């Protein structure tokens, strides 16, 4: 059974919409989306945003247990030039108490934090 990243990649491939267009519309980088293709579980909001861009409803592709039941949501932040940052939901974290599981959870949170930071930089300073 394919994991969520593979399902996402296949849906994008089937849509015929280029990766370039998707990343531009979402305001992310190509490496970010390629990293998502390798992940077993992907944040619901990210999947929803991709679905909106490619015109695909992932509701039948992912089961409820595959998504986190208690995602951590950060409050909106206002920056100096009065643009607000959208709330960020961190990717789901499995309740795996083993050391490798904890490291994977921290890595996933770290990547989500870096993506949020990049999004903030784009909103404050704009694209290069």
C-alpha atoms as a PDB file:
ATOM      1  CA  UNK A   1       0.000   0.000   0.000  1.00  0.00           C
ATOM      2  CA  UNK A   2       1.478   3.376  -0.980  1.00  0.00           C
ATOM      3  CA  UNK A   3       2.110   5.962   1.718  1.00  0.00           C
ATOM      4  CA  UNK A   4       0.657   9.469   1.610  1.00  0.00           C
ATOM      5  CA  UNK A   5       3.638  11.025  -0.154  1.00  0.00           C
ATOM      6  CA  UNK A   6       3.362   8.488  -2.969  1.00  0.00           C
ATOM      7  CA  UNK A   7      -0.395   9.081  -3.225  1.00  0.00           C
ATOM      8  CA  UNK A   8       0.203  12.827  -3.430  1.00  0.00           C
ATOM      9  CA  UNK A   9       2.884  12.394  -6.091  1.00  0.00           C
ATOM     10  CA  UNK A  10       0.661  10.118  -8.191  1.00  0.00           C
ATOM     11  CA  UNK A  11      -2.276  12.550  -7.998  1.00  0.00           C
ATOM     12  CA  UNK A  12      -0.037  15.404  -9.144  1.00  0.00           C
ATOM     13  CA  UNK A  13       1.343  13.297 -11.981  1.00  0.00           C
ATOM     14  CA  UNK A  14      -2.180  12.299 -13.059  1.00  0.00           C
ATOM     15  CA  UNK A  15      -3.384  15.906 -13.000  1.00  0.00           C
ATOM     16  CA  UNK A  16      -0.948  16.954 -15.716  1.00  0.00           C
ATOM     17  CA  UNK A  17      -0.145  20.161 -13.819  1.00  0.00           C
ATOM     18  CA  UNK A  18       3.568  20.921 -13.572  1.00  0.00           C
ATOM     19  CA  UNK A  19       5.448  20.864 -10.290  1.00  0.00           C
ATOM     20  CA  UNK A  20       6.656  24.382 -11.097  1.00  0.00           C
ATOM     21  CA  UNK A  21       3.104  25.721 -11.239  1.00  0.00           C
ATOM     22  CA  UNK A  22       2.139  23.925  -8.025  1.00  0.00           C
ATOM     23  CA  UNK A  23       5.090  25.235  -6.003  1.00  0.00           C
ATOM     24  CA  UNK A  24       4.591  28.762  -7.344  1.00  0.00           C
ATOM     25  CA  UNK A  25       0.906  28.789  -6.418  1.00  0.00           C
ATOM     26  CA  UNK A  26       1.624  27.338  -2.976  1.00  0.00           C
ATOM     27  CA  UNK A  27       4.613  29.595  -2.284  1.00  0.00           C
ATOM     28  CA  UNK A  28       6.977  26.711  -1.511  1.00  0.00           C
ATOM     29  CA  UNK A  29      10.174  25.407  -3.073  1.00  0.00           C
ATOM     30  CA  UNK A  30      10.639  22.398  -5.320  1.00  0.00           C
ATOM     31  CA  UNK A  31      12.775  20.584  -2.715  1.00  0.00           C
ATOM     32  CA  UNK A  32       9.923  20.982  -0.212  1.00  0.00           C
ATOM     33  CA  UNK A  33       7.395  19.222  -2.410  1.00  0.00           C
ATOM     34  CA  UNK A  34       9.869  16.488  -3.330  1.00  0.00           C
ATOM     35  CA  UNK A  35      10.499  15.936   0.415  1.00  0.00           C
ATOM     36  CA  UNK A  36       6.742  15.596   0.904  1.00  0.00           C
ATOM     37  CA  UNK A  37       6.664  12.828  -1.712  1.00  0.00           C
ATOM     38  CA  UNK A  38       8.950  10.774   0.553  1.00  0.00           C
ATOM     39  CA  UNK A  39       6.912  11.249   3.756  1.00  0.00           C
ATOM     40  CA  UNK A  40       4.659   8.510   5.111  1.00  0.00           C
ATOM     41  CA  UNK A  41       2.172  11.027   6.529  1.00  0.00           C
ATOM     42  CA  UNK A  42       1.531  14.562   5.347  1.00  0.00           C
ATOM     43  CA  UNK A  43      -0.194  17.446   7.089  1.00  0.00           C
ATOM     44  CA  UNK A  44      -3.871  17.760   6.137  1.00  0.00           C
ATOM     45  CA  UNK A  45      -3.605  21.460   5.246  1.00  0.00           C
ATOM     46  CA  UNK A  46      -0.729  20.795   2.854  1.00  0.00           C
ATOM     47  CA  UNK A  47      -2.673  18.014   1.122  1.00  0.00           C
ATOM     48  CA  UNK A  48      -5.751  20.246   0.919  1.00  0.00           C
ATOM     49  CA  UNK A  49      -3.742  23.084  -0.639  1.00  0.00           C
ATOM     50  CA  UNK A  50      -2.263  20.747  -3.253  1.00  0.00           C
ATOM     51  CA  UNK A  51      -5.747  19.389  -3.939  1.00  0.00           C
ATOM     52  CA  UNK A  52      -7.049  22.909  -4.483  1.00  0.00           C
ATOM     53  CA  UNK A  53      -4.264  23.651  -6.983  1.00  0.00           C
ATOM     54  CA  UNK A  54      -4.654  20.441  -8.997  1.00  0.00           C
ATOM     55  CA  UNK A  55      -8.427  20.131  -8.602  1.00  0.00           C
ATOM     56  CA  UNK A  56      -8.302  16.823  -6.720  1.00  0.00           C
ATOM     57  CA  UNK A  57     -10.197  15.788  -3.591  1.00  0.00           C
ATOM     58  CA  UNK A  58      -7.989  13.561  -1.442  1.00  0.00           C
ATOM     59  CA  UNK A  59     -10.848  12.625   0.925  1.00  0.00           C
ATOM     60  CA  UNK A  60     -11.086   9.113  -0.525  1.00  0.00           C
ATOM     61  CA  UNK A  61      -7.314   8.676  -0.814  1.00  0.00           C
ATOM     62  CA  UNK A  62      -6.403   9.013   2.873  1.00  0.00           C
ATOM     63  CA  UNK A  63      -8.058   7.327   5.816  1.00  0.00           C
ATOM     64  CA  UNK A  64      -8.784   9.148   9.076  1.00  0.00           C
ATOM     65  CA  UNK A  65      -6.295   7.088  11.175  1.00  0.00           C
ATOM     66  CA  UNK A  66      -3.533   8.238   8.841  1.00  0.00           C
ATOM     67  CA  UNK A  67      -4.046  11.845   9.967  1.00  0.00           C
ATOM     68  CA  UNK A  68      -3.123  13.197  13.369  1.00  0.00           C
ATOM     69  CA  UNK A  69      -6.052  13.519  15.755  1.00  0.00           C
ATOM     70  CA  UNK A  70      -4.481  16.343  17.759  1.00  0.00           C
ATOM     71  CA  UNK A  71      -2.478  18.611  15.451  1.00  0.00           C
ATOM     72  CA  UNK A  72      -0.580  21.470  17.027  1.00  0.00           C
ATOM     73  CA  UNK A  73      -1.818  24.795  15.688  1.00  0.00           C
ATOM     74  CA  UNK A  74       0.126  28.001  16.122  1.00  0.00           C
ATOM     75  CA  UNK A  75      -1.809  31.271  16.391  1.00  0.00           C
ATOM     76  CA  UNK A  76      -1.657  33.827  13.572  1.00  0.00           C
ATOM     77  CA  UNK A  77       1.274  36.227  13.824  1.00  0.00           C
ATOM     78  CA  UNK A  78       1.309  39.805  12.628  1.00  0.00           C
ATOM     79  CA  UNK A  79       4.529  41.200  11.180  1.00  0.00           C
ATOM     80  CA  UNK A  80       5.672  44.819  10.957  1.00  0.00           C
ATOM     81  CA  UNK A  81       4.271  45.570   7.505  1.00  0.00           C
ATOM     82  CA  UNK A  82       0.784  44.465   8.602  1.00  0.00           C
ATOM     83  CA  UNK A  83       0.657  41.175   6.682  1.00  0.00           C
ATOM     84  CA  UNK A  84      -0.551  38.244   8.699  1.00  0.00           C
ATOM     85  CA  UNK A  85       0.901  34.772   8.619  1.00  0.00           C
ATOM     86  CA  UNK A  86      -1.506  31.904   8.192  1.00  0.00           C
ATOM     87  CA  UNK A  87      -1.823  29.472  11.101  1.00  0.00           C
ATOM     88  CA  UNK A  88       0.543  26.556  10.655  1.00  0.00           C
ATOM     89  CA  UNK A  89      -0.376  23.002  11.521  1.00  0.00           C
ATOM     90  CA  UNK A  90       2.603  20.774  12.132  1.00  0.00           C
ATOM     91  CA  UNK A  91       2.661  17.387  10.444  1.00  0.00           C
ATOM     92  CA  UNK A  92       1.115  14.479  12.318  1.00  0.00           C
ATOM     93  CA  UNK A  93       3.352  12.772  14.842  1.00  0.00           C
ATOM     94  CA  UNK A  94       3.010   9.104  15.679  1.00  0.00           C
ATOM     95  CA  UNK A  95       2.904   8.097  19.334  1.00  0.00           C
ATOM     96  CA  UNK A  96       6.099   6.104  18.865  1.00  0.00           C
ATOM     97  CA  UNK A  97       8.196   6.330  22.033  1.00  0.00           C
ATOM     98  CA  UNK A  98      11.254   4.645  20.553  1.00  0.00           C
ATOM     99  CA  UNK A  99      14.336   6.777  19.993  1.00  0.00           C
ATOM    100  CA  UNK A 100      14.161   6.541  16.168  1.00  0.00           C
ATOM    101  CA  UNK A 101      10.464   7.458  16.328  1.00  0.00           C
ATOM    102  CA  UNK A 102      11.191  10.485  18.509  1.00  0.00           C
ATOM    103  CA  UNK A 103      13.989  11.601  16.187  1.00  0.00           C
ATOM    104  CA  UNK A 104      11.693  11.294  13.177  1.00  0.00           C
ATOM    105  CA  UNK A 105       9.017  13.333  14.979  1.00  0.00           C
ATOM    106  CA  UNK A 106      11.544  16.069  15.807  1.00  0.00           C
ATOM    107  CA  UNK A 107      12.846  16.084  12.242  1.00  0.00           C
ATOM    108  CA  UNK A 108       9.312  16.456  10.896  1.00  0.00           C
ATOM    109  CA  UNK A 109       8.592  19.352  13.258  1.00  0.00           C
ATOM    110  CA  UNK A 110      11.902  21.010  12.348  1.00  0.00           C
ATOM    111  CA  UNK A 111      11.151  20.817   8.616  1.00  0.00           C
ATOM    112  CA  UNK A 112       7.668  22.258   9.209  1.00  0.00           C
ATOM    113  CA  UNK A 113       9.225  25.106  11.191  1.00  0.00           C
ATOM    114  CA  UNK A 114      11.711  25.842   8.396  1.00  0.00           C
ATOM    115  CA  UNK A 115       8.892  25.893   5.848  1.00  0.00           C
ATOM    116  CA  UNK A 116       6.896  28.288   8.033  1.00  0.00           C
ATOM    117  CA  UNK A 117       9.969  30.520   8.335  1.00  0.00           C
ATOM    118  CA  UNK A 118      10.459  30.514   4.552  1.00  0.00           C
ATOM    119  CA  UNK A 119       6.786  31.383   4.074  1.00  0.00           C
ATOM    120  CA  UNK A 120       7.152  34.289   6.509  1.00  0.00           C
ATOM    121  CA  UNK A 121      10.251  35.552   4.699  1.00  0.00           C
ATOM    122  CA  UNK A 122       8.397  35.441   1.388  1.00  0.00           C
ATOM    123  CA  UNK A 123       5.497  37.411   2.842  1.00  0.00           C
ATOM    124  CA  UNK A 124       7.741  40.025   4.441  1.00  0.00           C
ATOM    125  CA  UNK A 125      10.383  40.455   1.741  1.00  0.00           C
ATOM    126  CA  UNK A 126       8.657  38.977  -1.316  1.00  0.00           C
ATOM    127  CA  UNK A 127      10.234  36.658  -3.880  1.00  0.00           C
ATOM    128  CA  UNK A 128      13.760  37.345  -5.081  1.00  0.00           C
END
